[in-house]
């Protein structure tokens, strides 16, 4: 009788620990999604400041101002829709805009002297990195959580308490981006002009 009670206690403790782990992971997945939104909002707040500096200090660079305005618009749309493709697209667009900003700043000594500009560009760059980190965290948490849902014996506890698969980042499972062409496998050759 004592052996049966000990066995049942071990099973109960196991179920309890797996349930708590799954519940904790589910909460962390939601927190990770919220962090992505938090960083996107931070970007949307920083970009107008950056655009204002460019507008005032580099009126000739209207293309960059327009690009920054468009980047903010795509980020706000991504926040509003919550669409993963829109989020990814807005990040790519912002990264491209930041490359243009950097090129202009580097080629314009007057703009390099503006400390606020340097600080803002660093903050925007930092935020882009944080979004990428939060997305990576979401992917990892979702994978760990989903592994527990399909592996034995934790899958039994998950089914018992109705835990469902976490979607994580929605990404197509087919397409050109998953394929590597023969040309892409070749070592790049650099030719430096003398």
Protein backbone atom coordinates (compact mmCIF):
# COMPACT_ATOMS: atom_id res chain seq x y z
CA UNK A 1 0.00 0.00 0.00
CA UNK A 2 2.82 2.42 0.88
CA UNK A 3 4.52 1.68 -2.46
CA UNK A 4 1.33 2.54 -4.36
CA UNK A 5 0.93 5.80 -2.42
CA UNK A 6 4.58 6.75 -3.10
CA UNK A 7 4.11 5.92 -6.79
CA UNK A 8 0.94 8.04 -6.97
CA UNK A 9 2.69 10.89 -5.16
CA UNK A 10 5.55 10.77 -7.68
CA UNK A 11 3.09 10.86 -10.57
CA UNK A 12 1.18 13.76 -8.98
CA UNK A 13 4.41 15.71 -8.45
CA UNK A 14 5.46 15.05 -12.04
CA UNK A 15 2.08 16.20 -13.41
CA UNK A 16 2.23 19.28 -11.19
CA UNK A 17 5.76 20.19 -12.33
CA UNK A 18 5.00 19.67 -16.04
CA UNK A 19 1.79 21.69 -15.76
CA UNK A 20 3.66 24.55 -14.07
CA UNK A 21 6.42 24.45 -16.68
CA UNK A 22 3.93 24.55 -19.57
CA UNK A 23 1.94 27.36 -17.94
CA UNK A 24 5.13 29.35 -17.30
CA UNK A 25 6.31 28.89 -20.89
CA UNK A 26 2.92 30.00 -22.20
CA UNK A 27 3.13 33.21 -20.14
CA UNK A 28 6.71 33.83 -21.34
CA UNK A 29 5.60 33.42 -24.97
CA UNK A 30 2.93 36.08 -24.46
CA UNK A 31 5.49 38.34 -22.74
CA UNK A 32 7.86 37.86 -25.68
CA UNK A 33 5.13 38.90 -28.12
CA UNK A 34 4.44 41.95 -25.95
CA UNK A 35 8.15 42.83 -25.98
CA UNK A 36 8.12 42.81 -29.77
CA UNK A 37 5.21 45.27 -29.68
CA UNK A 38 6.96 47.36 -27.02
CA UNK A 39 10.09 47.72 -29.15
CA UNK A 40 8.06 48.49 -32.27
CA UNK A 41 6.34 51.32 -30.35
CA UNK A 42 9.75 52.59 -29.24
CA UNK A 43 10.85 52.68 -32.88
CA UNK A 44 7.70 54.56 -33.85
CA UNK A 45 8.52 57.17 -31.19
CA UNK A 46 12.20 57.55 -32.10
CA UNK A 47 11.80 57.84 -35.85
CA UNK A 48 9.93 61.21 -35.83
CA UNK A 49 12.73 62.71 -33.72
CA UNK A 50 15.32 61.40 -36.16
CA UNK A 51 13.28 62.67 -39.09
CA UNK A 52 12.99 66.12 -37.48
CA UNK A 53 16.76 66.39 -37.15
CA UNK A 54 17.21 65.40 -40.78
CA UNK A 55 14.52 67.81 -41.85
CA UNK A 56 16.22 70.68 -40.07
CA UNK A 57 19.88 69.81 -40.72
CA UNK A 58 19.71 68.34 -44.19
CA UNK A 59 16.90 69.82 -46.21
CA UNK A 60 18.60 68.51 -49.35
CA UNK A 61 18.11 64.95 -48.13
CA UNK A 62 14.35 64.77 -48.68
CA UNK A 63 14.59 61.13 -49.75
CA UNK A 64 15.86 60.08 -46.31
CA UNK A 65 13.18 62.13 -44.57
CA UNK A 66 10.56 60.45 -46.75
CA UNK A 67 12.11 57.02 -46.07
CA UNK A 68 12.05 57.59 -42.29
CA UNK A 69 8.43 58.75 -42.46
CA UNK A 70 7.52 55.67 -44.47
CA UNK A 71 9.42 53.43 -42.01
CA UNK A 72 7.39 54.85 -39.12
CA UNK A 73 4.18 54.34 -41.07
CA UNK A 74 5.00 50.67 -41.78
CA UNK A 75 5.90 50.09 -38.11
CA UNK A 76 2.62 51.63 -36.91
CA UNK A 77 0.69 49.50 -39.42
CA UNK A 78 2.55 46.39 -38.20
CA UNK A 79 1.66 47.22 -34.59
CA UNK A 80 -1.98 47.80 -35.55
CA UNK A 81 -2.39 44.58 -37.53
CA UNK A 82 -0.07 42.35 -35.49
CA UNK A 83 0.74 40.58 -38.77
CA UNK A 84 4.13 38.84 -38.58
CA UNK A 85 4.89 39.52 -42.26
CA UNK A 86 4.13 43.21 -41.74
CA UNK A 87 6.42 43.27 -38.69
CA UNK A 88 9.22 41.60 -40.62
CA UNK A 89 8.71 43.90 -43.60
CA UNK A 90 8.74 47.00 -41.39
CA UNK A 91 12.01 45.89 -39.79
CA UNK A 92 13.64 45.29 -43.16
CA UNK A 93 12.44 48.69 -44.37
CA UNK A 94 13.78 50.40 -41.24
CA UNK A 95 17.15 48.67 -41.55
CA UNK A 96 17.44 49.92 -45.12
CA UNK A 97 16.49 53.45 -44.05
CA UNK A 98 19.09 53.35 -41.28
CA UNK A 99 21.77 52.38 -43.80
CA UNK A 100 20.86 55.47 -45.83
CA UNK A 101 20.92 57.63 -42.70
CA UNK A 102 24.37 56.35 -41.82
CA UNK A 103 25.69 57.06 -45.31
CA UNK A 104 24.40 60.61 -45.25
CA UNK A 105 25.71 61.30 -41.75
CA UNK A 106 29.13 59.93 -42.63
CA UNK A 107 29.31 62.11 -45.75
CA UNK A 108 28.16 65.28 -43.98
CA UNK A 109 30.56 66.66 -41.30
CA UNK A 110 27.95 69.15 -40.05
CA UNK A 111 25.57 66.33 -39.25
CA UNK A 112 28.31 64.32 -37.56
CA UNK A 113 28.73 67.20 -35.15
CA UNK A 114 25.13 66.92 -33.99
CA UNK A 115 25.31 64.78 -30.84
CA UNK A 116 21.56 64.22 -30.71
CA UNK A 117 21.59 62.69 -34.16
CA UNK A 118 24.27 60.22 -33.18
CA UNK A 119 22.39 59.30 -30.02
CA UNK A 120 19.08 58.88 -31.86
CA UNK A 121 20.55 56.75 -34.64
CA UNK A 122 22.19 54.57 -31.99
CA UNK A 123 18.84 54.24 -30.16
CA UNK A 124 17.02 53.28 -33.36
CA UNK A 125 19.74 50.76 -34.24
CA UNK A 126 19.57 49.39 -30.69
CA UNK A 127 15.80 49.06 -30.96
CA UNK A 128 16.09 47.16 -34.24
CA UNK A 129 18.46 44.76 -32.49
CA UNK A 130 16.04 44.39 -29.58
CA UNK A 131 13.19 43.55 -31.94
CA UNK A 132 15.35 40.90 -33.58
CA UNK A 133 16.32 39.52 -30.14
CA UNK A 134 12.68 39.46 -28.99
CA UNK A 135 11.68 37.64 -32.17
CA UNK A 136 14.48 35.09 -31.60
CA UNK A 137 13.30 34.64 -28.00
CA UNK A 138 9.74 34.07 -29.19
CA UNK A 139 10.91 31.46 -31.69
CA UNK A 140 12.97 29.63 -29.03
CA UNK A 141 10.24 29.73 -26.39
CA UNK A 142 7.61 28.52 -28.86
CA UNK A 143 9.86 25.68 -29.99
CA UNK A 144 10.59 24.54 -26.41
CA UNK A 145 6.91 24.75 -25.49
CA UNK A 146 5.78 22.88 -28.61
CA UNK A 147 8.41 20.17 -28.02
CA UNK A 148 6.90 19.52 -24.61
CA UNK A 149 3.46 19.20 -26.23
CA UNK A 150 4.59 16.43 -28.55
CA UNK A 151 7.11 14.49 -26.45
CA UNK A 152 6.16 11.69 -24.10
CA UNK A 153 5.21 11.80 -21.21
CA UNK A 154 4.76 15.59 -21.03
CA UNK A 155 2.35 15.36 -23.98
CA UNK A 156 -0.04 13.41 -21.75
CA UNK A 157 -0.10 16.21 -19.18
CA UNK A 158 -0.52 18.81 -21.95
CA UNK A 159 -3.51 16.94 -23.39
CA UNK A 160 -4.97 16.40 -19.93
CA UNK A 161 -5.02 20.15 -19.25
CA UNK A 162 -5.78 21.27 -22.83
CA UNK A 163 -2.55 23.07 -23.71
CA UNK A 164 -2.50 24.06 -27.40
CA UNK A 165 0.42 24.58 -29.78
CA UNK A 166 2.02 28.03 -29.74
CA UNK A 167 2.16 29.62 -33.18
CA UNK A 168 5.34 31.59 -32.62
CA UNK A 169 6.34 33.59 -35.68
CA UNK A 170 4.34 32.62 -38.73
CA UNK A 171 6.68 31.92 -41.60
CA UNK A 172 5.97 30.14 -44.88
CA UNK A 173 7.49 26.68 -45.02
CA UNK A 174 8.30 26.90 -48.70
CA UNK A 175 9.64 29.51 -51.05
CA UNK A 176 12.72 30.97 -52.60
CA UNK A 177 14.17 32.13 -49.28
CA UNK A 178 14.59 28.50 -48.16
CA UNK A 179 16.59 27.54 -51.22
CA UNK A 180 20.29 28.16 -51.78
CA UNK A 181 21.37 28.50 -55.39
CA UNK A 182 24.63 27.14 -56.72
CA UNK A 183 25.84 30.71 -57.24
CA UNK A 184 25.22 31.52 -53.55
CA UNK A 185 27.43 28.61 -52.44
CA UNK A 186 30.50 29.95 -54.24
CA UNK A 187 33.11 31.89 -52.30
CA UNK A 188 32.78 35.59 -53.10
CA UNK A 189 35.75 37.18 -54.83
CA UNK A 190 36.76 40.70 -53.96
CA UNK A 191 38.48 42.84 -56.51
CA UNK A 192 40.10 45.88 -55.00
CA UNK A 193 40.95 48.73 -57.29
CA UNK A 194 44.52 49.94 -57.11
